[in-house]
Amino acid sequence: MFATTRQLQRTLASRVVASRYLSSSAAHSQKIALTFFTKDTCMLCTKAKGVLKSTLENDALKGEEIDLKVVDIMHPDNGTWFEAYCYDVPVLHVDRPSQNKPVKFMHYFDEEKLVKELTKDKA
């Protein structure tokens, strides 16, 4: 579906940027930071990228302020993440300012569960 993590970032960039402008006036919404840990040679990661893309395009997330960071654990600068997740990718961290630690999704992503997590603080 996506050849590289860069392609996923480009594909999702317009959705994430657009959501920032839509949500800047929404007082109920708090910023959600997603960190997607992946590697190019991972079939589960390829499937998870598709689910993540579909999730971020879901109408239920309109107006949500979401930032997405994609981390290729195989990149030499990401050795810490390689050690943590070398056998567990794909992994998605969902961070909010009100949380002490991120909610983690690992291995198989489900759009319904992701949408539920990303909208749980919605008024």
PDB file of N, CA and C in Angstrom:
ATOM      1  N   MET A   1       0.821  -1.183   0.000  1.00  0.00           N
ATOM      2  CA  MET A   1       0.000   0.000   0.000  1.00  0.00           C
ATOM      3  C   MET A   1       0.869   1.252   0.000  1.00  0.00           C
ATOM      4  N   PHE A   2       1.789   1.388   0.994  1.00  0.00           N
ATOM      5  CA  PHE A   2       2.735   2.483   1.037  1.00  0.00           C
ATOM      6  C   PHE A   2       4.126   1.897   0.883  1.00  0.00           C
ATOM      7  N   ALA A   3       4.900   2.454  -0.030  1.00  0.00           N
ATOM      8  CA  ALA A   3       6.230   1.919  -0.291  1.00  0.00           C
ATOM      9  C   ALA A   3       7.184   2.206   0.873  1.00  0.00           C
ATOM     10  N   THR A   4       7.074   3.381   1.471  1.00  0.00           N
ATOM     11  CA  THR A   4       7.998   3.755   2.537  1.00  0.00           C
ATOM     12  C   THR A   4       7.259   4.526   3.622  1.00  0.00           C
ATOM     13  N   THR A   5       7.934   4.699   4.741  1.00  0.00           N
ATOM     14  CA  THR A   5       7.348   5.507   5.803  1.00  0.00           C
ATOM     15  C   THR A   5       7.238   6.965   5.372  1.00  0.00           C
ATOM     16  N   ARG A   6       8.146   7.418   4.526  1.00  0.00           N
ATOM     17  CA  ARG A   6       8.059   8.789   4.005  1.00  0.00           C
ATOM     18  C   ARG A   6       6.783   8.986   3.202  1.00  0.00           C
ATOM     19  N   GLN A   7       6.430   7.987   2.413  1.00  0.00           N
ATOM     20  CA  GLN A   7       5.211   8.076   1.614  1.00  0.00           C
ATOM     21  C   GLN A   7       3.997   8.163   2.533  1.00  0.00           C
ATOM     22  N   LEU A   8       3.978   7.403   3.621  1.00  0.00           N
ATOM     23  CA  LEU A   8       2.882   7.480   4.582  1.00  0.00           C
ATOM     24  C   LEU A   8       2.810   8.875   5.182  1.00  0.00           C
ATOM     25  N   GLN A   9       3.947   9.429   5.562  1.00  0.00           N
ATOM     26  CA  GLN A   9       3.955  10.772   6.147  1.00  0.00           C
ATOM     27  C   GLN A   9       3.398  11.793   5.164  1.00  0.00           C
ATOM     28  N   ARG A  10       3.808  11.724   3.902  1.00  0.00           N
ATOM     29  CA  ARG A  10       3.303  12.668   2.901  1.00  0.00           C
ATOM     30  C   ARG A  10       1.808  12.492   2.696  1.00  0.00           C
ATOM     31  N   THR A  11       1.349  11.249   2.637  1.00  0.00           N
ATOM     32  CA  THR A  11      -0.062  10.974   2.408  1.00  0.00           C
ATOM     33  C   THR A  11      -0.915  11.512   3.552  1.00  0.00           C
ATOM     34  N   LEU A  12      -0.430  11.371   4.780  1.00  0.00           N
ATOM     35  CA  LEU A  12      -1.206  11.781   5.937  1.00  0.00           C
ATOM     36  C   LEU A  12      -1.014  13.248   6.298  1.00  0.00           C
ATOM     37  N   ALA A  13       0.007  13.888   5.766  1.00  0.00           N
ATOM     38  CA  ALA A  13       0.344  15.254   6.166  1.00  0.00           C
ATOM     39  C   ALA A  13      -0.818  16.215   5.975  1.00  0.00           C
ATOM     40  N   SER A  14      -1.500  16.148   4.855  1.00  0.00           N
ATOM     41  CA  SER A  14      -2.585  17.092   4.621  1.00  0.00           C
ATOM     42  C   SER A  14      -3.718  16.887   5.614  1.00  0.00           C
ATOM     43  N   ARG A  15      -4.012  15.651   5.987  1.00  0.00           N
ATOM     44  CA  ARG A  15      -5.077  15.362   6.955  1.00  0.00           C
ATOM     45  C   ARG A  15      -4.711  15.896   8.331  1.00  0.00           C
ATOM     46  N   VAL A  16      -3.470  15.665   8.748  1.00  0.00           N
ATOM     47  CA  VAL A  16      -3.042  16.089  10.069  1.00  0.00           C
ATOM     48  C   VAL A  16      -2.978  17.607  10.138  1.00  0.00           C
ATOM     49  N   VAL A  17      -2.405  18.261   9.121  1.00  0.00           N
ATOM     50  CA  VAL A  17      -2.312  19.719   9.102  1.00  0.00           C
ATOM     51  C   VAL A  17      -3.698  20.328   9.074  1.00  0.00           C
ATOM     52  N   ALA A  18      -4.592  19.792   8.248  1.00  0.00           N
ATOM     53  CA  ALA A  18      -5.949  20.313   8.176  1.00  0.00           C
ATOM     54  C   ALA A  18      -6.643  20.211   9.522  1.00  0.00           C
ATOM     55  N   SER A  19      -6.422  19.145  10.238  1.00  0.00           N
ATOM     56  CA  SER A  19      -7.084  18.975  11.529  1.00  0.00           C
ATOM     57  C   SER A  19      -6.627  20.025  12.533  1.00  0.00           C
ATOM     58  N   ARG A  20      -5.386  20.478  12.419  1.00  0.00           N
ATOM     59  CA  ARG A  20      -4.899  21.516  13.325  1.00  0.00           C
ATOM     60  C   ARG A  20      -5.716  22.791  13.161  1.00  0.00           C
ATOM     61  N   TYR A  21      -5.984  23.188  11.925  1.00  0.00           N
ATOM     62  CA  TYR A  21      -6.724  24.406  11.685  1.00  0.00           C
ATOM     63  C   TYR A  21      -8.184  24.266  12.103  1.00  0.00           C
ATOM     64  N   LEU A  22      -8.762  23.118  11.887  1.00  0.00           N
ATOM     65  CA  LEU A  22     -10.148  22.899  12.266  1.00  0.00           C
ATOM     66  C   LEU A  22     -10.328  22.911  13.776  1.00  0.00           C
ATOM     67  N   SER A  23      -9.339  22.420  14.490  1.00  0.00           N
ATOM     68  CA  SER A  23      -9.519  22.249  15.927  1.00  0.00           C
ATOM     69  C   SER A  23      -8.977  23.411  16.754  1.00  0.00           C
ATOM     70  N   SER A  24      -8.346  24.380  16.122  1.00  0.00           N
ATOM     71  CA  SER A  24      -7.741  25.442  16.908  1.00  0.00           C
ATOM     72  C   SER A  24      -8.772  26.227  17.707  1.00  0.00           C
ATOM     73  N   SER A  25     -10.020  26.226  17.252  1.00  0.00           N
ATOM     74  CA  SER A  25     -11.050  26.950  17.986  1.00  0.00           C
ATOM     75  C   SER A  25     -11.872  26.029  18.886  1.00  0.00           C
ATOM     76  N   ALA A  26     -11.608  24.754  18.833  1.00  0.00           N
ATOM     77  CA  ALA A  26     -12.384  23.804  19.626  1.00  0.00           C
ATOM     78  C   ALA A  26     -11.760  23.652  21.004  1.00  0.00           C
ATOM     79  N   ALA A  27     -12.398  24.231  22.001  1.00  0.00           N
ATOM     80  CA  ALA A  27     -11.842  24.229  23.350  1.00  0.00           C
ATOM     81  C   ALA A  27     -11.865  22.842  23.988  1.00  0.00           C
ATOM     82  N   HIS A  28     -12.802  22.000  23.574  1.00  0.00           N
ATOM     83  CA  HIS A  28     -12.937  20.679  24.189  1.00  0.00           C
ATOM     84  C   HIS A  28     -11.831  19.718  23.783  1.00  0.00           C
ATOM     85  N   SER A  29     -11.183  20.027  22.714  1.00  0.00           N
ATOM     86  CA  SER A  29     -10.218  19.095  22.145  1.00  0.00           C
ATOM     87  C   SER A  29      -8.826  19.347  22.703  1.00  0.00           C
ATOM     88  N   GLN A  30      -8.143  18.281  23.106  1.00  0.00           N
ATOM     89  CA  GLN A  30      -6.757  18.436  23.500  1.00  0.00           C
ATOM     90  C   GLN A  30      -5.887  17.733  22.475  1.00  0.00           C
ATOM     91  N   LYS A  31      -4.710  18.264  22.295  1.00  0.00           N
ATOM     92  CA  LYS A  31      -3.807  17.763  21.273  1.00  0.00           C
ATOM     93  C   LYS A  31      -3.436  16.303  21.524  1.00  0.00           C
ATOM     94  N   ILE A  32      -3.526  15.511  20.469  1.00  0.00           N
ATOM     95  CA  ILE A  32      -3.148  14.102  20.525  1.00  0.00           C
ATOM     96  C   ILE A  32      -1.886  13.938  19.690  1.00  0.00           C
ATOM     97  N   ALA A  33      -0.885  13.307  20.269  1.00  0.00           N
ATOM     98  CA  ALA A  33       0.361  13.036  19.552  1.00  0.00           C
ATOM     99  C   ALA A  33       0.450  11.539  19.294  1.00  0.00           C
ATOM    100  N   LEU A  34       0.560  11.185  18.025  1.00  0.00           N
ATOM    101  CA  LEU A  34       0.724   9.789  17.638  1.00  0.00           C
ATOM    102  C   LEU A  34       2.167   9.568  17.209  1.00  0.00           C
ATOM    103  N   THR A  35       2.748   8.474  17.684  1.00  0.00           N
ATOM    104  CA  THR A  35       4.068   8.068  17.224  1.00  0.00           C
ATOM    105  C   THR A  35       3.926   6.652  16.695  1.00  0.00           C
ATOM    106  N   PHE A  36       4.207   6.495  15.411  1.00  0.00           N
ATOM    107  CA  PHE A  36       4.067   5.212  14.730  1.00  0.00           C
ATOM    108  C   PHE A  36       5.451   4.626  14.500  1.00  0.00           C
ATOM    109  N   PHE A  37       5.732   3.507  15.161  1.00  0.00           N
ATOM    110  CA  PHE A  37       7.026   2.826  15.044  1.00  0.00           C
ATOM    111  C   PHE A  37       6.877   1.717  14.012  1.00  0.00           C
ATOM    112  N   THR A  38       7.762   1.718  13.021  1.00  0.00           N
ATOM    113  CA  THR A  38       7.621   0.826  11.881  1.00  0.00           C
ATOM    114  C   THR A  38       8.984   0.504  11.292  1.00  0.00           C
ATOM    115  N   LYS A  39       8.985  -0.366  10.298  1.00  0.00           N
ATOM    116  CA  LYS A  39      10.168  -0.599   9.461  1.00  0.00           C
ATOM    117  C   LYS A  39       9.672  -1.040   8.095  1.00  0.00           C
ATOM    118  N   ASP A  40      10.485  -0.758   7.074  1.00  0.00           N
ATOM    119  CA  ASP A  40      10.060  -0.986   5.695  1.00  0.00           C
ATOM    120  C   ASP A  40       9.847  -2.456   5.350  1.00  0.00           C
ATOM    121  N   THR A  41      10.529  -3.355   6.008  1.00  0.00           N
ATOM    122  CA  THR A  41      10.476  -4.770   5.632  1.00  0.00           C
ATOM    123  C   THR A  41       9.448  -5.564   6.436  1.00  0.00           C
ATOM    124  N   CYS A  42       8.440  -4.914   6.939  1.00  0.00           N
ATOM    125  CA  CYS A  42       7.478  -5.523   7.846  1.00  0.00           C
ATOM    126  C   CYS A  42       6.090  -5.537   7.204  1.00  0.00           C
ATOM    127  N   MET A  43       5.560  -6.732   6.929  1.00  0.00           N
ATOM    128  CA  MET A  43       4.241  -6.841   6.312  1.00  0.00           C
ATOM    129  C   MET A  43       3.136  -6.347   7.250  1.00  0.00           C
ATOM    130  N   LEU A  44       3.243  -6.647   8.547  1.00  0.00           N
ATOM    131  CA  LEU A  44       2.247  -6.131   9.493  1.00  0.00           C
ATOM    132  C   LEU A  44       2.252  -4.604   9.506  1.00  0.00           C
ATOM    133  N   CYS A  45       3.448  -4.011   9.350  1.00  0.00           N
ATOM    134  CA  CYS A  45       3.560  -2.550   9.322  1.00  0.00           C
ATOM    135  C   CYS A  45       2.848  -1.974   8.104  1.00  0.00           C
ATOM    136  N   THR A  46       2.987  -2.635   6.979  1.00  0.00           N
ATOM    137  CA  THR A  46       2.320  -2.187   5.758  1.00  0.00           C
ATOM    138  C   THR A  46       0.810  -2.175   5.952  1.00  0.00           C
ATOM    139  N   LYS A  47       0.289  -3.237   6.551  1.00  0.00           N
ATOM    140  CA  LYS A  47      -1.155  -3.298   6.821  1.00  0.00           C
ATOM    141  C   LYS A  47      -1.559  -2.232   7.841  1.00  0.00           C
ATOM    142  N   ALA A  48      -0.751  -2.043   8.879  1.00  0.00           N
ATOM    143  CA  ALA A  48      -1.059  -1.050   9.914  1.00  0.00           C
ATOM    144  C   ALA A  48      -1.066   0.365   9.340  1.00  0.00           C
ATOM    145  N   LYS A  49      -0.177   0.643   8.393  1.00  0.00           N
ATOM    146  CA  LYS A  49      -0.147   1.959   7.751  1.00  0.00           C
ATOM    147  C   LYS A  49      -1.474   2.247   7.064  1.00  0.00           C
ATOM    148  N   GLY A  50      -2.023   1.244   6.396  1.00  0.00           N
ATOM    149  CA  GLY A  50      -3.315   1.407   5.730  1.00  0.00           C
ATOM    150  C   GLY A  50      -4.431   1.659   6.735  1.00  0.00           C
ATOM    151  N   VAL A  51      -4.428   0.929   7.832  1.00  0.00           N
ATOM    152  CA  VAL A  51      -5.438   1.121   8.873  1.00  0.00           C
ATOM    153  C   VAL A  51      -5.286   2.504   9.507  1.00  0.00           C
ATOM    154  N   LEU A  52      -4.064   2.930   9.754  1.00  0.00           N
ATOM    155  CA  LEU A  52      -3.822   4.242  10.341  1.00  0.00           C
ATOM    156  C   LEU A  52      -4.285   5.353   9.405  1.00  0.00           C
ATOM    157  N   LYS A  53      -3.982   5.213   8.135  1.00  0.00           N
ATOM    158  CA  LYS A  53      -4.426   6.212   7.152  1.00  0.00           C
ATOM    159  C   LYS A  53      -5.941   6.298   7.138  1.00  0.00           C
ATOM    160  N   SER A  54      -6.598   5.165   7.071  1.00  0.00           N
ATOM    161  CA  SER A  54      -8.055   5.129   7.057  1.00  0.00           C
ATOM    162  C   SER A  54      -8.631   5.725   8.344  1.00  0.00           C
ATOM    163  N   THR A  55      -8.012   5.427   9.457  1.00  0.00           N
ATOM    164  CA  THR A  55      -8.465   5.960  10.746  1.00  0.00           C
ATOM    165  C   THR A  55      -8.385   7.480  10.761  1.00  0.00           C
ATOM    166  N   LEU A  56      -7.260   8.028  10.316  1.00  0.00           N
ATOM    167  CA  LEU A  56      -7.085   9.483  10.344  1.00  0.00           C
ATOM    168  C   LEU A  56      -7.997  10.207   9.365  1.00  0.00           C
ATOM    169  N   GLU A  57      -8.518   9.486   8.387  1.00  0.00           N
ATOM    170  CA  GLU A  57      -9.462  10.080   7.439  1.00  0.00           C
ATOM    171  C   GLU A  57     -10.916   9.899   7.894  1.00  0.00           C
ATOM    172  N   ASN A  58     -11.124   9.190   8.989  1.00  0.00           N
ATOM    173  CA  ASN A  58     -12.460   8.904   9.497  1.00  0.00           C
ATOM    174  C   ASN A  58     -13.160  10.201   9.911  1.00  0.00           C
ATOM    175  N   ASP A  59     -14.431  10.327   9.547  1.00  0.00           N
ATOM    176  CA  ASP A  59     -15.209  11.529   9.862  1.00  0.00           C
ATOM    177  C   ASP A  59     -15.305  11.799  11.363  1.00  0.00           C
ATOM    178  N   ALA A  60     -15.228  10.761  12.176  1.00  0.00           N
ATOM    179  CA  ALA A  60     -15.315  10.939  13.632  1.00  0.00           C
ATOM    180  C   ALA A  60     -14.150  11.758  14.180  1.00  0.00           C
ATOM    181  N   LEU A  61     -13.067  11.878  13.416  1.00  0.00           N
ATOM    182  CA  LEU A  61     -11.891  12.619  13.876  1.00  0.00           C
ATOM    183  C   LEU A  61     -11.847  14.048  13.352  1.00  0.00           C
ATOM    184  N   LYS A  62     -12.872  14.467  12.632  1.00  0.00           N
ATOM    185  CA  LYS A  62     -12.894  15.856  12.160  1.00  0.00           C
ATOM    186  C   LYS A  62     -12.852  16.782  13.359  1.00  0.00           C
ATOM    187  N   GLY A  63     -11.966  17.744  13.310  1.00  0.00           N
ATOM    188  CA  GLY A  63     -11.839  18.699  14.395  1.00  0.00           C
ATOM    189  C   GLY A  63     -10.876  18.288  15.487  1.00  0.00           C
ATOM    190  N   GLU A  64     -10.368  17.076  15.433  1.00  0.00           N
ATOM    191  CA  GLU A  64      -9.394  16.635  16.424  1.00  0.00           C
ATOM    192  C   GLU A  64      -8.008  17.141  16.031  1.00  0.00           C
ATOM    193  N   GLU A  65      -7.276  17.619  17.013  1.00  0.00           N
ATOM    194  CA  GLU A  65      -5.914  18.090  16.764  1.00  0.00           C
ATOM    195  C   GLU A  65      -4.967  16.910  16.964  1.00  0.00           C
ATOM    196  N   ILE A  66      -4.391  16.444  15.843  1.00  0.00           N
ATOM    197  CA  ILE A  66      -3.560  15.251  15.869  1.00  0.00           C
ATOM    198  C   ILE A  66      -2.223  15.527  15.189  1.00  0.00           C
ATOM    199  N   ASP A  67      -1.149  15.196  15.875  1.00  0.00           N
ATOM    200  CA  ASP A  67       0.184  15.249  15.279  1.00  0.00           C
ATOM    201  C   ASP A  67       0.660  13.819  15.098  1.00  0.00           C
ATOM    202  N   LEU A  68       1.286  13.552  13.973  1.00  0.00           N
ATOM    203  CA  LEU A  68       1.787  12.210  13.686  1.00  0.00           C
ATOM    204  C   LEU A  68       3.287  12.261  13.443  1.00  0.00           C
ATOM    205  N   LYS A  69       3.986  11.374  14.122  1.00  0.00           N
ATOM    206  CA  LYS A  69       5.423  11.199  13.900  1.00  0.00           C
ATOM    207  C   LYS A  69       5.633   9.739  13.525  1.00  0.00           C
ATOM    208  N   VAL A  70       6.347   9.489  12.442  1.00  0.00           N
ATOM    209  CA  VAL A  70       6.662   8.130  12.012  1.00  0.00           C
ATOM    210  C   VAL A  70       8.132   7.874  12.319  1.00  0.00           C
ATOM    211  N   VAL A  71       8.407   6.776  13.037  1.00  0.00           N
ATOM    212  CA  VAL A  71       9.777   6.425  13.424  1.00  0.00           C
ATOM    213  C   VAL A  71      10.147   5.101  12.774  1.00  0.00           C
ATOM    214  N   ASP A  72      11.131   5.145  11.882  1.00  0.00           N
ATOM    215  CA  ASP A  72      11.673   3.935  11.272  1.00  0.00           C
ATOM    216  C   ASP A  72      12.705   3.376  12.240  1.00  0.00           C
ATOM    217  N   ILE A  73      12.380   2.267  12.898  1.00  0.00           N
ATOM    218  CA  ILE A  73      13.278   1.733  13.925  1.00  0.00           C
ATOM    219  C   ILE A  73      14.596   1.217  13.356  1.00  0.00           C
ATOM    220  N   MET A  74      14.674   1.043  12.039  1.00  0.00           N
ATOM    221  CA  MET A  74      15.899   0.557  11.408  1.00  0.00           C
ATOM    222  C   MET A  74      16.904   1.676  11.153  1.00  0.00           C
ATOM    223  N   HIS A  75      16.480   2.915  11.241  1.00  0.00           N
ATOM    224  CA  HIS A  75      17.389   4.042  11.016  1.00  0.00           C
ATOM    225  C   HIS A  75      18.419   4.073  12.148  1.00  0.00           C
ATOM    226  N   PRO A  76      19.690   4.308  11.824  1.00  0.00           N
ATOM    227  CA  PRO A  76      20.748   4.301  12.847  1.00  0.00           C
ATOM    228  C   PRO A  76      20.497   5.241  14.034  1.00  0.00           C
ATOM    229  N   ASP A  77      19.797   6.331  13.812  1.00  0.00           N
ATOM    230  CA  ASP A  77      19.507   7.275  14.898  1.00  0.00           C
ATOM    231  C   ASP A  77      18.446   6.763  15.866  1.00  0.00           C
ATOM    232  N   ASN A  78      17.775   5.670  15.518  1.00  0.00           N
ATOM    233  CA  ASN A  78      16.658   5.182  16.325  1.00  0.00           C
ATOM    234  C   ASN A  78      16.972   3.869  17.042  1.00  0.00           C
ATOM    235  N   GLY A  79      18.219   3.701  17.441  1.00  0.00           N
ATOM    236  CA  GLY A  79      18.656   2.467  18.095  1.00  0.00           C
ATOM    237  C   GLY A  79      17.888   2.132  19.361  1.00  0.00           C
ATOM    238  N   THR A  80      17.541   3.140  20.129  1.00  0.00           N
ATOM    239  CA  THR A  80      16.772   2.908  21.351  1.00  0.00           C
ATOM    240  C   THR A  80      15.420   2.279  21.022  1.00  0.00           C
ATOM    241  N   TRP A  81      14.780   2.802  19.983  1.00  0.00           N
ATOM    242  CA  TRP A  81      13.473   2.268  19.595  1.00  0.00           C
ATOM    243  C   TRP A  81      13.608   0.894  18.954  1.00  0.00           C
ATOM    244  N   PHE A  82      14.721   0.659  18.252  1.00  0.00           N
ATOM    245  CA  PHE A  82      14.958  -0.680  17.701  1.00  0.00           C
ATOM    246  C   PHE A  82      15.038  -1.695  18.836  1.00  0.00           C
ATOM    247  N   GLU A  83      15.792  -1.367  19.871  1.00  0.00           N
ATOM    248  CA  GLU A  83      15.927  -2.280  21.007  1.00  0.00           C
ATOM    249  C   GLU A  83      14.585  -2.524  21.694  1.00  0.00           C
ATOM    250  N   ALA A  84      13.763  -1.501  21.768  1.00  0.00           N
ATOM    251  CA  ALA A  84      12.471  -1.637  22.446  1.00  0.00           C
ATOM    252  C   ALA A  84      11.457  -2.420  21.621  1.00  0.00           C
ATOM    253  N   TYR A  85      11.465  -2.219  20.296  1.00  0.00           N
ATOM    254  CA  TYR A  85      10.372  -2.740  19.472  1.00  0.00           C
ATOM    255  C   TYR A  85      10.796  -3.613  18.288  1.00  0.00           C
ATOM    256  N   CYS A  86      12.023  -4.101  18.266  1.00  0.00           N
ATOM    257  CA  CYS A  86      12.500  -4.843  17.091  1.00  0.00           C
ATOM    258  C   CYS A  86      11.605  -6.040  16.748  1.00  0.00           C
ATOM    259  N   TYR A  87      10.994  -6.670  17.735  1.00  0.00           N
ATOM    260  CA  TYR A  87      10.115  -7.815  17.480  1.00  0.00           C
ATOM    261  C   TYR A  87       8.640  -7.479  17.642  1.00  0.00           C
ATOM    262  N   ASP A  88       8.317  -6.214  17.855  1.00  0.00           N
ATOM    263  CA  ASP A  88       6.943  -5.836  18.155  1.00  0.00           C
ATOM    264  C   ASP A  88       6.294  -4.888  17.158  1.00  0.00           C
ATOM    265  N   VAL A  89       7.025  -4.374  16.182  1.00  0.00           N
ATOM    266  CA  VAL A  89       6.416  -3.440  15.237  1.00  0.00           C
ATOM    267  C   VAL A  89       5.333  -4.158  14.429  1.00  0.00           C
ATOM    268  N   PRO A  90       4.318  -3.433  14.054  1.00  0.00           N
ATOM    269  CA  PRO A  90       4.081  -2.012  14.251  1.00  0.00           C
ATOM    270  C   PRO A  90       3.589  -1.694  15.667  1.00  0.00           C
ATOM    271  N   VAL A  91       3.967  -0.498  16.118  1.00  0.00           N
ATOM    272  CA  VAL A  91       3.535   0.002  17.423  1.00  0.00           C
ATOM    273  C   VAL A  91       3.072   1.446  17.230  1.00  0.00           C
ATOM    274  N   LEU A  92       1.973   1.786  17.880  1.00  0.00           N
ATOM    275  CA  LEU A  92       1.470   3.154  17.851  1.00  0.00           C
ATOM    276  C   LEU A  92       1.331   3.639  19.286  1.00  0.00           C
ATOM    277  N   HIS A  93       1.987   4.776  19.591  1.00  0.00           N
ATOM    278  CA  HIS A  93       1.816   5.432  20.886  1.00  0.00           C
ATOM    279  C   HIS A  93       0.789   6.545  20.707  1.00  0.00           C
ATOM    280  N   VAL A  94      -0.168   6.608  21.604  1.00  0.00           N
ATOM    281  CA  VAL A  94      -1.154   7.694  21.632  1.00  0.00           C
ATOM    282  C   VAL A  94      -0.887   8.482  22.908  1.00  0.00           C
ATOM    283  N   ASP A  95      -0.403   9.715  22.741  1.00  0.00           N
ATOM    284  CA  ASP A  95      -0.048  10.573  23.880  1.00  0.00           C
ATOM    285  C   ASP A  95      -0.982  11.769  23.962  1.00  0.00           C
ATOM    286  N   ARG A  96      -1.372  12.082  25.192  1.00  0.00           N
ATOM    287  CA  ARG A  96      -2.145  13.290  25.483  1.00  0.00           C
ATOM    288  C   ARG A  96      -1.459  13.985  26.658  1.00  0.00           C
ATOM    289  N   PRO A  97      -1.593  15.315  26.761  1.00  0.00           N
ATOM    290  CA  PRO A  97      -0.984  16.024  27.893  1.00  0.00           C
ATOM    291  C   PRO A  97      -1.483  15.513  29.248  1.00  0.00           C
ATOM    292  N   SER A  98      -2.698  15.017  29.313  1.00  0.00           N
ATOM    293  CA  SER A  98      -3.279  14.575  30.579  1.00  0.00           C
ATOM    294  C   SER A  98      -2.874  13.153  30.983  1.00  0.00           C
ATOM    295  N   GLN A  99      -2.114  12.462  30.160  1.00  0.00           N
ATOM    296  CA  GLN A  99      -1.696  11.086  30.440  1.00  0.00           C
ATOM    297  C   GLN A  99      -0.257  11.050  30.938  1.00  0.00           C
ATOM    298  N   ASN A 100       0.018  10.132  31.862  1.00  0.00           N
ATOM    299  CA  ASN A 100       1.395   9.949  32.325  1.00  0.00           C
ATOM    300  C   ASN A 100       2.221   9.137  31.348  1.00  0.00           C
ATOM    301  N   LYS A 101       1.595   8.146  30.701  1.00  0.00           N
ATOM    302  CA  LYS A 101       2.290   7.353  29.693  1.00  0.00           C
ATOM    303  C   LYS A 101       1.350   7.081  28.533  1.00  0.00           C
ATOM    304  N   PRO A 102       1.919   6.775  27.376  1.00  0.00           N
ATOM    305  CA  PRO A 102       1.080   6.616  26.195  1.00  0.00           C
ATOM    306  C   PRO A 102       0.243   5.335  26.228  1.00  0.00           C
ATOM    307  N   VAL A 103      -0.885   5.403  25.550  1.00  0.00           N
ATOM    308  CA  VAL A 103      -1.655   4.200  25.246  1.00  0.00           C
ATOM    309  C   VAL A 103      -0.948   3.574  24.054  1.00  0.00           C
ATOM    310  N   LYS A 104      -0.745   2.256  24.086  1.00  0.00           N
ATOM    311  CA  LYS A 104       0.002   1.588  23.016  1.00  0.00           C
ATOM    312  C   LYS A 104      -0.884   0.590  22.277  1.00  0.00           C
ATOM    313  N   PHE A 105      -0.762   0.635  20.956  1.00  0.00           N
ATOM    314  CA  PHE A 105      -1.352  -0.374  20.086  1.00  0.00           C
ATOM    315  C   PHE A 105      -0.184  -1.111  19.454  1.00  0.00           C
ATOM    316  N   MET A 106      -0.246  -2.436  19.464  1.00  0.00           N
ATOM    317  CA  MET A 106       0.871  -3.225  18.949  1.00  0.00           C
ATOM    318  C   MET A 106       0.385  -4.307  17.994  1.00  0.00           C
ATOM    319  N   HIS A 107       1.191  -4.568  16.977  1.00  0.00           N
ATOM    320  CA  HIS A 107       1.027  -5.671  16.033  1.00  0.00           C
ATOM    321  C   HIS A 107      -0.117  -5.469  15.047  1.00  0.00           C
ATOM    322  N   TYR A 108      -1.344  -5.627  15.489  1.00  0.00           N
ATOM    323  CA  TYR A 108      -2.505  -5.514  14.602  1.00  0.00           C
ATOM    324  C   TYR A 108      -3.328  -4.309  15.017  1.00  0.00           C
ATOM    325  N   PHE A 109      -3.602  -3.421  14.056  1.00  0.00           N
ATOM    326  CA  PHE A 109      -4.394  -2.230  14.339  1.00  0.00           C
ATOM    327  C   PHE A 109      -5.816  -2.464  13.851  1.00  0.00           C
ATOM    328  N   ASP A 110      -6.771  -1.960  14.606  1.00  0.00           N
ATOM    329  CA  ASP A 110      -8.181  -2.043  14.261  1.00  0.00           C
ATOM    330  C   ASP A 110      -8.732  -0.620  14.219  1.00  0.00           C
ATOM    331  N   GLU A 111      -9.299  -0.238  13.080  1.00  0.00           N
ATOM    332  CA  GLU A 111      -9.765   1.139  12.911  1.00  0.00           C
ATOM    333  C   GLU A 111     -10.788   1.530  13.968  1.00  0.00           C
ATOM    334  N   GLU A 112     -11.720   0.663  14.262  1.00  0.00           N
ATOM    335  CA  GLU A 112     -12.758   0.982  15.244  1.00  0.00           C
ATOM    336  C   GLU A 112     -12.148   1.265  16.624  1.00  0.00           C
ATOM    337  N   LYS A 113     -11.176   0.453  17.033  1.00  0.00           N
ATOM    338  CA  LYS A 113     -10.523   0.655  18.328  1.00  0.00           C
ATOM    339  C   LYS A 113      -9.684   1.935  18.336  1.00  0.00           C
ATOM    340  N   LEU A 114      -9.009   2.212  17.220  1.00  0.00           N
ATOM    341  CA  LEU A 114      -8.220   3.438  17.142  1.00  0.00           C
ATOM    342  C   LEU A 114      -9.119   4.673  17.209  1.00  0.00           C
ATOM    343  N   VAL A 115     -10.217   4.666  16.463  1.00  0.00           N
ATOM    344  CA  VAL A 115     -11.151   5.801  16.485  1.00  0.00           C
ATOM    345  C   VAL A 115     -11.701   5.989  17.893  1.00  0.00           C
ATOM    346  N   LYS A 116     -12.067   4.895  18.540  1.00  0.00           N
ATOM    347  CA  LYS A 116     -12.593   4.976  19.912  1.00  0.00           C
ATOM    348  C   LYS A 116     -11.568   5.620  20.847  1.00  0.00           C
ATOM    349  N   GLU A 117     -10.310   5.213  20.736  1.00  0.00           N
ATOM    350  CA  GLU A 117      -9.261   5.794  21.580  1.00  0.00           C
ATOM    351  C   GLU A 117      -9.032   7.269  21.259  1.00  0.00           C
ATOM    352  N   LEU A 118      -9.022   7.605  19.985  1.00  0.00           N
ATOM    353  CA  LEU A 118      -8.720   8.980  19.577  1.00  0.00           C
ATOM    354  C   LEU A 118      -9.866   9.945  19.838  1.00  0.00           C
ATOM    355  N   THR A 119     -11.062   9.434  20.075  1.00  0.00           N
ATOM    356  CA  THR A 119     -12.216  10.303  20.322  1.00  0.00           C
ATOM    357  C   THR A 119     -12.736  10.186  21.760  1.00  0.00           C
ATOM    358  N   LYS A 120     -12.069   9.469  22.621  1.00  0.00           N
ATOM    359  CA  LYS A 120     -12.615   9.195  23.956  1.00  0.00           C
ATOM    360  C   LYS A 120     -12.771  10.436  24.826  1.00  0.00           C
ATOM    361  N   ASP A 121     -12.021  11.493  24.577  1.00  0.00           N
ATOM    362  CA  ASP A 121     -12.147  12.713  25.361  1.00  0.00           C
ATOM    363  C   ASP A 121     -13.078  13.739  24.729  1.00  0.00           C
ATOM    364  N   LYS A 122     -13.671  13.387  23.617  1.00  0.00           N
ATOM    365  CA  LYS A 122     -14.544  14.300  22.894  1.00  0.00           C
ATOM    366  C   LYS A 122     -15.824  14.547  23.701  1.00  0.00           C
ATOM    367  N   ALA A 123     -16.203  15.781  23.788  1.00  0.00           N
ATOM    368  CA  ALA A 123     -17.416  16.116  24.549  1.00  0.00           C
ATOM    369  C   ALA A 123     -18.672  15.784  23.794  1.00  0.00           C
TER     370      ALA A 123
END
